[in-house]
N, C-alpha and C. Protein backbone atom coordinates (compact mmCIF):
# COMPACT_ATOMS: atom_id res chain seq x y z
N MET A 1 -80.96 48.30 -60.73
CA MET A 1 -82.31 48.67 -61.11
C MET A 1 -83.28 48.00 -60.13
N ASP A 2 -84.25 48.76 -59.68
CA ASP A 2 -85.31 48.26 -58.80
C ASP A 2 -86.41 47.66 -59.67
N ASN A 3 -86.70 46.37 -59.49
CA ASN A 3 -87.69 45.68 -60.32
C ASN A 3 -89.10 46.24 -60.14
N LYS A 4 -89.42 46.74 -58.96
CA LYS A 4 -90.76 47.27 -58.71
C LYS A 4 -90.99 48.63 -59.37
N THR A 5 -89.98 49.50 -59.24
CA THR A 5 -90.16 50.87 -59.75
C THR A 5 -89.55 51.07 -61.14
N GLY A 6 -88.62 50.19 -61.53
CA GLY A 6 -87.93 50.36 -62.81
C GLY A 6 -86.92 51.49 -62.78
N ARG A 7 -86.60 51.97 -61.58
CA ARG A 7 -85.64 53.08 -61.43
C ARG A 7 -84.33 52.55 -60.89
N CYS A 8 -83.28 53.30 -61.12
CA CYS A 8 -81.97 52.95 -60.57
C CYS A 8 -82.00 53.08 -59.05
N VAL A 9 -81.30 52.18 -58.37
CA VAL A 9 -81.22 52.22 -56.91
C VAL A 9 -80.09 53.18 -56.53
N PRO A 10 -80.38 54.18 -55.69
CA PRO A 10 -79.33 55.13 -55.30
C PRO A 10 -78.24 54.47 -54.47
N ILE A 11 -77.04 55.04 -54.51
CA ILE A 11 -75.95 54.54 -53.68
C ILE A 11 -76.23 54.91 -52.22
N VAL A 12 -75.54 54.26 -51.31
CA VAL A 12 -75.72 54.52 -49.88
C VAL A 12 -75.41 55.99 -49.59
N GLY A 13 -76.26 56.61 -48.81
CA GLY A 13 -76.10 58.03 -48.49
C GLY A 13 -76.99 58.92 -49.34
N TYR A 14 -77.75 58.32 -50.25
CA TYR A 14 -78.68 59.03 -51.12
C TYR A 14 -80.02 58.30 -51.10
N PHE A 15 -81.08 59.00 -51.49
CA PHE A 15 -82.38 58.34 -51.60
C PHE A 15 -83.07 58.76 -52.89
N ASP A 16 -83.97 57.93 -53.35
CA ASP A 16 -84.71 58.18 -54.58
C ASP A 16 -85.85 59.15 -54.26
N ASN A 17 -85.80 60.31 -54.85
CA ASN A 17 -86.82 61.33 -54.61
C ASN A 17 -87.81 61.42 -55.78
N SER A 18 -87.80 60.43 -56.63
CA SER A 18 -88.68 60.35 -57.81
C SER A 18 -88.37 61.41 -58.86
N PHE A 19 -87.22 62.04 -58.76
CA PHE A 19 -86.77 62.97 -59.79
C PHE A 19 -85.62 62.33 -60.56
N GLU A 20 -84.99 63.11 -61.41
CA GLU A 20 -83.91 62.60 -62.24
C GLU A 20 -82.69 62.16 -61.43
N LYS A 21 -82.34 62.94 -60.42
CA LYS A 21 -81.16 62.65 -59.60
C LYS A 21 -81.58 62.29 -58.17
N ALA A 22 -80.85 61.36 -57.58
CA ALA A 22 -81.09 61.00 -56.18
C ALA A 22 -80.67 62.18 -55.28
N THR A 23 -81.27 62.26 -54.11
CA THR A 23 -80.97 63.33 -53.16
C THR A 23 -80.09 62.78 -52.04
N LYS A 24 -79.12 63.60 -51.64
CA LYS A 24 -78.20 63.22 -50.57
C LYS A 24 -78.94 63.22 -49.24
N CYS A 25 -78.67 62.21 -48.41
CA CYS A 25 -79.24 62.14 -47.06
C CYS A 25 -78.64 63.25 -46.19
N PRO A 26 -79.33 63.63 -45.10
CA PRO A 26 -78.74 64.59 -44.16
C PRO A 26 -77.40 64.07 -43.64
N LEU A 27 -76.50 64.96 -43.26
CA LEU A 27 -75.16 64.56 -42.80
C LEU A 27 -75.20 63.60 -41.62
N SER A 28 -76.23 63.69 -40.80
CA SER A 28 -76.33 62.81 -39.62
C SER A 28 -76.73 61.39 -39.98
N CYS A 29 -77.24 61.18 -41.20
CA CYS A 29 -77.71 59.85 -41.64
C CYS A 29 -76.68 59.16 -42.52
N ARG A 30 -76.46 57.90 -42.25
CA ARG A 30 -75.63 57.09 -43.15
C ARG A 30 -76.49 56.62 -44.32
N ALA A 31 -77.76 56.31 -44.05
CA ALA A 31 -78.71 55.91 -45.09
C ALA A 31 -80.07 56.48 -44.70
N CYS A 32 -80.92 56.75 -45.71
CA CYS A 32 -82.21 57.36 -45.41
C CYS A 32 -83.23 57.03 -46.49
N ARG A 33 -84.49 57.30 -46.16
CA ARG A 33 -85.59 57.17 -47.12
C ARG A 33 -86.04 58.53 -47.63
N SER A 34 -85.76 59.56 -46.80
CA SER A 34 -86.11 60.94 -47.15
C SER A 34 -85.25 61.86 -46.29
N LEU A 35 -85.45 63.16 -46.46
CA LEU A 35 -84.71 64.12 -45.64
C LEU A 35 -85.14 64.07 -44.18
N THR A 36 -86.28 63.46 -43.90
CA THR A 36 -86.79 63.41 -42.53
C THR A 36 -86.96 61.98 -42.02
N TYR A 37 -86.29 60.98 -42.67
CA TYR A 37 -86.40 59.59 -42.23
C TYR A 37 -85.08 58.87 -42.47
N CYS A 38 -84.29 58.75 -41.40
CA CYS A 38 -83.02 58.02 -41.49
C CYS A 38 -83.26 56.54 -41.23
N THR A 39 -82.51 55.70 -41.90
CA THR A 39 -82.58 54.27 -41.64
C THR A 39 -81.31 53.78 -40.95
N ALA A 40 -80.24 54.58 -41.00
CA ALA A 40 -78.99 54.29 -40.28
C ALA A 40 -78.30 55.63 -40.04
N CYS A 41 -77.64 55.73 -38.89
CA CYS A 41 -76.97 56.98 -38.51
C CYS A 41 -75.50 56.97 -38.87
N ALA A 42 -74.98 58.15 -39.14
CA ALA A 42 -73.55 58.31 -39.36
C ALA A 42 -72.83 58.12 -38.02
N ASP A 43 -71.53 57.84 -38.06
CA ASP A 43 -70.76 57.67 -36.82
C ASP A 43 -70.90 58.91 -35.94
N GLY A 44 -71.11 58.68 -34.65
CA GLY A 44 -71.24 59.77 -33.69
C GLY A 44 -72.66 60.30 -33.57
N PHE A 45 -73.61 59.72 -34.29
CA PHE A 45 -75.01 60.14 -34.21
C PHE A 45 -75.86 58.95 -33.77
N PHE A 46 -77.00 59.26 -33.15
CA PHE A 46 -77.85 58.21 -32.57
C PHE A 46 -79.28 58.36 -33.05
N MET A 47 -79.90 57.22 -33.37
CA MET A 47 -81.27 57.20 -33.87
C MET A 47 -82.25 57.48 -32.73
N PHE A 48 -83.18 58.37 -33.00
CA PHE A 48 -84.22 58.69 -32.04
C PHE A 48 -85.54 58.17 -32.59
N LYS A 49 -86.60 58.17 -31.76
CA LYS A 49 -87.88 57.59 -32.17
C LYS A 49 -88.54 58.31 -33.34
N ASP A 50 -88.08 59.53 -33.65
CA ASP A 50 -88.63 60.25 -34.81
C ASP A 50 -87.91 59.88 -36.11
N ASN A 51 -87.05 58.85 -36.04
CA ASN A 51 -86.28 58.35 -37.19
C ASN A 51 -85.31 59.38 -37.75
N LEU A 52 -84.84 60.27 -36.89
CA LEU A 52 -83.76 61.19 -37.25
C LEU A 52 -82.57 60.87 -36.35
N CYS A 53 -81.38 61.28 -36.77
CA CYS A 53 -80.16 61.01 -36.02
C CYS A 53 -79.67 62.29 -35.36
N TYR A 54 -79.25 62.16 -34.10
CA TYR A 54 -78.81 63.30 -33.29
C TYR A 54 -77.44 63.00 -32.69
N PRO A 55 -76.67 64.06 -32.38
CA PRO A 55 -75.35 63.84 -31.80
C PRO A 55 -75.41 63.34 -30.35
N ALA A 56 -76.54 63.50 -29.69
CA ALA A 56 -76.72 63.01 -28.32
C ALA A 56 -78.21 62.73 -28.12
N CYS A 57 -78.50 61.85 -27.19
CA CYS A 57 -79.91 61.58 -26.88
C CYS A 57 -80.49 62.76 -26.10
N PRO A 58 -81.75 63.10 -26.35
CA PRO A 58 -82.36 64.22 -25.62
C PRO A 58 -82.65 63.84 -24.16
N LEU A 59 -83.01 64.84 -23.37
CA LEU A 59 -83.40 64.59 -21.99
C LEU A 59 -84.49 63.54 -21.95
N ARG A 60 -84.48 62.74 -20.92
CA ARG A 60 -85.43 61.64 -20.67
C ARG A 60 -85.16 60.42 -21.53
N TYR A 61 -83.98 60.39 -22.18
CA TYR A 61 -83.55 59.25 -22.98
C TYR A 61 -82.09 58.96 -22.68
N TYR A 62 -81.67 57.72 -22.89
CA TYR A 62 -80.28 57.33 -22.74
C TYR A 62 -79.85 56.59 -24.00
N PHE A 63 -78.54 56.55 -24.23
CA PHE A 63 -78.01 55.87 -25.41
C PHE A 63 -77.89 54.38 -25.13
N ASP A 64 -78.53 53.57 -25.95
CA ASP A 64 -78.45 52.12 -25.85
C ASP A 64 -77.34 51.65 -26.78
N SER A 65 -76.24 51.20 -26.20
CA SER A 65 -75.07 50.82 -27.01
C SER A 65 -75.30 49.52 -27.79
N PHE A 66 -76.27 48.72 -27.40
CA PHE A 66 -76.57 47.49 -28.15
C PHE A 66 -77.40 47.80 -29.40
N GLY A 67 -78.45 48.58 -29.23
CA GLY A 67 -79.31 48.93 -30.37
C GLY A 67 -78.84 50.15 -31.13
N LEU A 68 -77.82 50.84 -30.58
CA LEU A 68 -77.28 52.08 -31.17
C LEU A 68 -78.39 53.10 -31.40
N ASN A 69 -79.24 53.25 -30.39
CA ASN A 69 -80.32 54.23 -30.49
C ASN A 69 -80.65 54.78 -29.10
N CYS A 70 -81.55 55.73 -29.07
CA CYS A 70 -81.96 56.36 -27.81
C CYS A 70 -83.19 55.63 -27.27
N GLN A 71 -83.12 55.25 -26.01
CA GLN A 71 -84.23 54.56 -25.34
C GLN A 71 -84.76 55.45 -24.22
N ALA A 72 -86.03 55.33 -23.93
CA ALA A 72 -86.68 56.16 -22.91
C ALA A 72 -86.20 55.79 -21.51
N CYS A 73 -85.98 56.81 -20.70
CA CYS A 73 -85.71 56.62 -19.27
C CYS A 73 -87.04 56.31 -18.59
N PRO A 74 -87.01 55.80 -17.35
CA PRO A 74 -88.26 55.67 -16.60
C PRO A 74 -88.94 57.04 -16.49
N TYR A 75 -90.26 57.04 -16.35
CA TYR A 75 -91.05 58.27 -16.41
C TYR A 75 -90.60 59.36 -15.43
N ASP A 76 -90.01 58.97 -14.30
CA ASP A 76 -89.67 59.96 -13.28
C ASP A 76 -88.30 60.59 -13.47
N CYS A 77 -87.47 60.07 -14.35
CA CYS A 77 -86.08 60.55 -14.52
C CYS A 77 -85.96 61.65 -15.58
N LEU A 78 -85.14 62.63 -15.30
CA LEU A 78 -84.77 63.61 -16.32
C LEU A 78 -83.63 63.03 -17.16
N THR A 79 -82.64 62.44 -16.47
CA THR A 79 -81.58 61.68 -17.14
C THR A 79 -81.42 60.37 -16.39
N CYS A 80 -80.93 59.34 -17.10
CA CYS A 80 -80.79 58.03 -16.47
C CYS A 80 -79.65 57.26 -17.11
N ASP A 81 -79.26 56.17 -16.46
CA ASP A 81 -78.28 55.27 -17.07
C ASP A 81 -79.04 54.12 -17.74
N ASN A 82 -78.31 53.23 -18.40
CA ASN A 82 -78.98 52.16 -19.14
C ASN A 82 -79.54 51.06 -18.25
N ASP A 83 -79.35 51.17 -16.93
CA ASP A 83 -79.97 50.23 -15.99
C ASP A 83 -81.29 50.77 -15.44
N GLY A 84 -81.69 51.95 -15.89
CA GLY A 84 -82.93 52.55 -15.43
C GLY A 84 -82.81 53.32 -14.13
N ASN A 85 -81.58 53.59 -13.69
CA ASN A 85 -81.36 54.40 -12.50
C ASN A 85 -81.40 55.87 -12.88
N CYS A 86 -82.11 56.66 -12.11
CA CYS A 86 -82.15 58.09 -12.37
C CYS A 86 -80.81 58.71 -11.99
N LEU A 87 -80.30 59.57 -12.85
CA LEU A 87 -79.08 60.32 -12.57
C LEU A 87 -79.41 61.75 -12.19
N SER A 88 -80.54 62.25 -12.69
CA SER A 88 -80.99 63.60 -12.30
C SER A 88 -82.51 63.66 -12.45
N CYS A 89 -83.09 64.64 -11.75
CA CYS A 89 -84.53 64.83 -11.73
C CYS A 89 -84.83 66.28 -12.10
N ASP A 90 -86.07 66.57 -12.42
CA ASP A 90 -86.48 67.92 -12.77
C ASP A 90 -87.33 68.50 -11.63
N LEU A 91 -86.67 69.25 -10.75
CA LEU A 91 -87.35 69.84 -9.60
C LEU A 91 -88.31 70.94 -10.03
N ILE A 92 -87.95 71.69 -11.06
CA ILE A 92 -88.76 72.84 -11.48
C ILE A 92 -90.05 72.41 -12.17
N ASN A 93 -89.97 71.63 -13.23
CA ASN A 93 -91.14 71.27 -14.02
C ASN A 93 -91.89 70.05 -13.48
N ASP A 94 -91.13 69.01 -13.08
CA ASP A 94 -91.76 67.77 -12.62
C ASP A 94 -91.97 67.75 -11.11
N ARG A 95 -91.28 68.65 -10.42
CA ARG A 95 -91.32 68.75 -8.95
C ARG A 95 -90.86 67.44 -8.31
N ARG A 96 -89.70 66.95 -8.79
CA ARG A 96 -89.13 65.70 -8.29
C ARG A 96 -87.69 65.91 -7.82
N ILE A 97 -87.30 65.16 -6.79
CA ILE A 97 -85.95 65.18 -6.25
C ILE A 97 -85.39 63.76 -6.27
N LEU A 98 -84.06 63.65 -6.35
CA LEU A 98 -83.40 62.35 -6.42
C LEU A 98 -83.34 61.72 -5.04
N SER A 99 -83.75 60.47 -4.95
CA SER A 99 -83.71 59.74 -3.67
C SER A 99 -82.46 58.88 -3.62
N SER A 100 -82.18 58.33 -2.46
CA SER A 100 -81.02 57.45 -2.29
C SER A 100 -81.18 56.14 -3.06
N LYS A 101 -82.40 55.84 -3.49
CA LYS A 101 -82.66 54.61 -4.25
C LYS A 101 -82.53 54.83 -5.75
N LYS A 102 -81.93 55.95 -6.16
CA LYS A 102 -81.69 56.29 -7.57
C LYS A 102 -82.99 56.42 -8.36
N ARG A 103 -84.01 56.91 -7.70
CA ARG A 103 -85.30 57.21 -8.32
C ARG A 103 -85.62 58.66 -8.02
N CYS A 104 -86.44 59.26 -8.84
CA CYS A 104 -86.90 60.62 -8.60
C CYS A 104 -88.25 60.52 -7.88
N ILE A 105 -88.34 61.16 -6.74
CA ILE A 105 -89.56 61.13 -5.95
C ILE A 105 -90.16 62.53 -5.90
N SER A 106 -91.45 62.60 -5.66
CA SER A 106 -92.13 63.89 -5.59
C SER A 106 -91.64 64.67 -4.39
N LYS A 107 -91.46 65.97 -4.56
CA LYS A 107 -91.05 66.80 -3.44
C LYS A 107 -92.24 66.95 -2.47
N PRO A 108 -91.99 67.36 -1.23
CA PRO A 108 -93.08 67.51 -0.26
C PRO A 108 -94.20 68.40 -0.80
N GLY A 109 -95.43 67.99 -0.54
CA GLY A 109 -96.59 68.73 -1.01
C GLY A 109 -97.10 68.26 -2.36
N PHE A 110 -96.47 67.22 -2.91
CA PHE A 110 -96.84 66.66 -4.21
C PHE A 110 -96.88 65.13 -4.09
N PHE A 111 -97.58 64.47 -5.02
CA PHE A 111 -97.59 63.02 -5.02
C PHE A 111 -97.35 62.49 -6.43
N ASP A 112 -96.89 61.24 -6.45
CA ASP A 112 -96.56 60.58 -7.70
C ASP A 112 -97.80 59.87 -8.24
N ASN A 113 -98.26 60.29 -9.42
CA ASN A 113 -99.41 59.62 -10.04
C ASN A 113 -98.98 58.80 -11.26
N LEU A 114 -97.70 58.40 -11.24
CA LEU A 114 -97.10 57.51 -12.25
C LEU A 114 -97.00 58.13 -13.63
N ILE A 115 -96.92 59.45 -13.69
CA ILE A 115 -96.57 60.15 -14.92
C ILE A 115 -95.42 61.09 -14.60
N THR A 116 -94.89 61.73 -15.59
CA THR A 116 -93.71 62.56 -15.41
C THR A 116 -93.89 63.65 -14.35
N ILE A 117 -94.96 64.39 -14.41
CA ILE A 117 -95.13 65.55 -13.53
C ILE A 117 -95.90 65.16 -12.27
N SER A 118 -95.32 65.48 -11.10
CA SER A 118 -95.99 65.23 -9.83
C SER A 118 -97.18 66.17 -9.68
N VAL A 119 -98.18 65.71 -8.94
CA VAL A 119 -99.41 66.48 -8.75
C VAL A 119 -99.42 67.06 -7.35
N ALA A 120 -99.86 68.31 -7.24
CA ALA A 120 -99.92 68.98 -5.93
C ALA A 120 -100.98 68.33 -5.05
N CYS A 121 -100.64 68.19 -3.77
CA CYS A 121 -101.61 67.71 -2.78
C CYS A 121 -102.69 68.78 -2.61
N SER A 122 -103.81 68.38 -2.02
CA SER A 122 -104.90 69.33 -1.81
C SER A 122 -104.48 70.41 -0.80
N ASN A 123 -105.23 71.47 -0.76
CA ASN A 123 -104.95 72.61 0.11
C ASN A 123 -104.82 72.16 1.57
N GLY A 124 -103.77 72.59 2.24
CA GLY A 124 -103.54 72.27 3.63
C GLY A 124 -102.77 70.98 3.86
N CYS A 125 -102.46 70.25 2.81
CA CYS A 125 -101.79 68.95 2.93
C CYS A 125 -100.31 69.07 2.58
N ILE A 126 -99.46 68.47 3.44
CA ILE A 126 -98.01 68.46 3.22
C ILE A 126 -97.58 67.20 2.49
N SER A 127 -98.19 66.06 2.84
CA SER A 127 -97.83 64.78 2.26
C SER A 127 -99.10 63.99 1.96
N CYS A 128 -99.22 63.51 0.71
CA CYS A 128 -100.43 62.79 0.32
C CYS A 128 -100.08 61.64 -0.60
N THR A 129 -101.00 60.69 -0.71
CA THR A 129 -100.82 59.57 -1.63
C THR A 129 -101.68 59.73 -2.87
N THR A 130 -102.77 60.49 -2.75
CA THR A 130 -103.62 60.85 -3.88
C THR A 130 -104.15 62.25 -3.61
N LEU A 131 -104.85 62.80 -4.56
CA LEU A 131 -105.44 64.12 -4.37
C LEU A 131 -106.49 64.09 -3.26
N ALA A 132 -107.10 62.94 -3.04
CA ALA A 132 -108.18 62.82 -2.05
C ALA A 132 -107.72 62.29 -0.69
N PHE A 133 -106.45 61.85 -0.56
CA PHE A 133 -106.02 61.25 0.70
C PHE A 133 -104.70 61.85 1.17
N CYS A 134 -104.78 62.62 2.24
CA CYS A 134 -103.61 63.27 2.84
C CYS A 134 -103.08 62.41 3.99
N LYS A 135 -101.75 62.40 4.15
CA LYS A 135 -101.11 61.70 5.27
C LYS A 135 -100.69 62.66 6.37
N ILE A 136 -100.24 63.87 5.98
CA ILE A 136 -99.79 64.87 6.95
C ILE A 136 -100.32 66.23 6.52
N CYS A 137 -100.91 66.96 7.46
CA CYS A 137 -101.47 68.28 7.18
C CYS A 137 -100.51 69.40 7.61
N ASN A 138 -100.72 70.59 7.02
CA ASN A 138 -100.00 71.79 7.45
C ASN A 138 -100.32 72.07 8.92
N GLN A 139 -99.54 72.96 9.52
CA GLN A 139 -99.65 73.25 10.95
C GLN A 139 -101.04 73.74 11.36
N SER A 140 -101.70 74.53 10.58
CA SER A 140 -102.99 75.09 10.98
C SER A 140 -104.17 74.23 10.51
N TYR A 141 -103.90 72.97 10.13
CA TYR A 141 -104.94 72.05 9.67
C TYR A 141 -104.95 70.79 10.53
N PHE A 142 -106.10 70.12 10.55
CA PHE A 142 -106.25 68.84 11.24
C PHE A 142 -106.53 67.75 10.21
N LEU A 143 -105.99 66.56 10.46
CA LEU A 143 -106.22 65.42 9.58
C LEU A 143 -107.45 64.66 10.06
N THR A 144 -108.42 64.49 9.18
CA THR A 144 -109.63 63.74 9.53
C THR A 144 -109.38 62.25 9.31
N SER A 145 -110.28 61.42 9.81
CA SER A 145 -110.15 59.96 9.65
C SER A 145 -110.29 59.53 8.19
N THR A 146 -110.82 60.39 7.34
CA THR A 146 -110.97 60.08 5.91
C THR A 146 -109.80 60.60 5.07
N GLY A 147 -108.78 61.14 5.75
CA GLY A 147 -107.59 61.61 5.04
C GLY A 147 -107.73 63.01 4.47
N GLN A 148 -108.62 63.82 5.00
CA GLN A 148 -108.79 65.20 4.55
C GLN A 148 -108.18 66.16 5.56
N CYS A 149 -107.67 67.27 5.09
CA CYS A 149 -107.15 68.32 5.97
C CYS A 149 -108.20 69.40 6.09
N VAL A 150 -108.60 69.68 7.32
CA VAL A 150 -109.57 70.73 7.57
C VAL A 150 -108.91 71.80 8.44
N GLN A 151 -109.23 73.03 8.16
CA GLN A 151 -108.62 74.14 8.86
C GLN A 151 -109.13 74.21 10.29
N SER A 152 -108.22 74.51 11.21
CA SER A 152 -108.62 74.60 12.61
C SER A 152 -109.44 75.88 12.84
N CYS A 153 -110.17 75.88 13.90
CA CYS A 153 -111.03 77.03 14.22
C CYS A 153 -110.31 78.03 15.09
N PHE A 154 -109.08 77.79 15.49
CA PHE A 154 -108.37 78.67 16.42
C PHE A 154 -107.87 79.91 15.74
């Protein structure tokens, strides 16, 4: 009996739904507070930040064998290992490619602004560090001393 509520405490795998009978937790949960809040996962399932248990961690997360839950990969990785090394990148959506340093870097024509998706360089720029500063211009453009690409007059 729970001293605060005066109700019977459900057995593990069930939760008190304030009705006559306790409700069974989802199959992925070993213990839960509701149908949408697991407190422990069943074997073969992993806790995610939404407090639900999944058979595998979603993209951009890795399984932490110490905490038995899913932890976020670094912002640039699509998949990663538990040391924070990128294993794969998202060329289509994030416009990133895997480098030899096990990090995902922006593909040419884009720059890293420290969020998941790389940002396109300004018009005429092949390589830039910010939207306002180009390092290398396209063939028909000239690089100014202020880092801008201006179209040639030829």
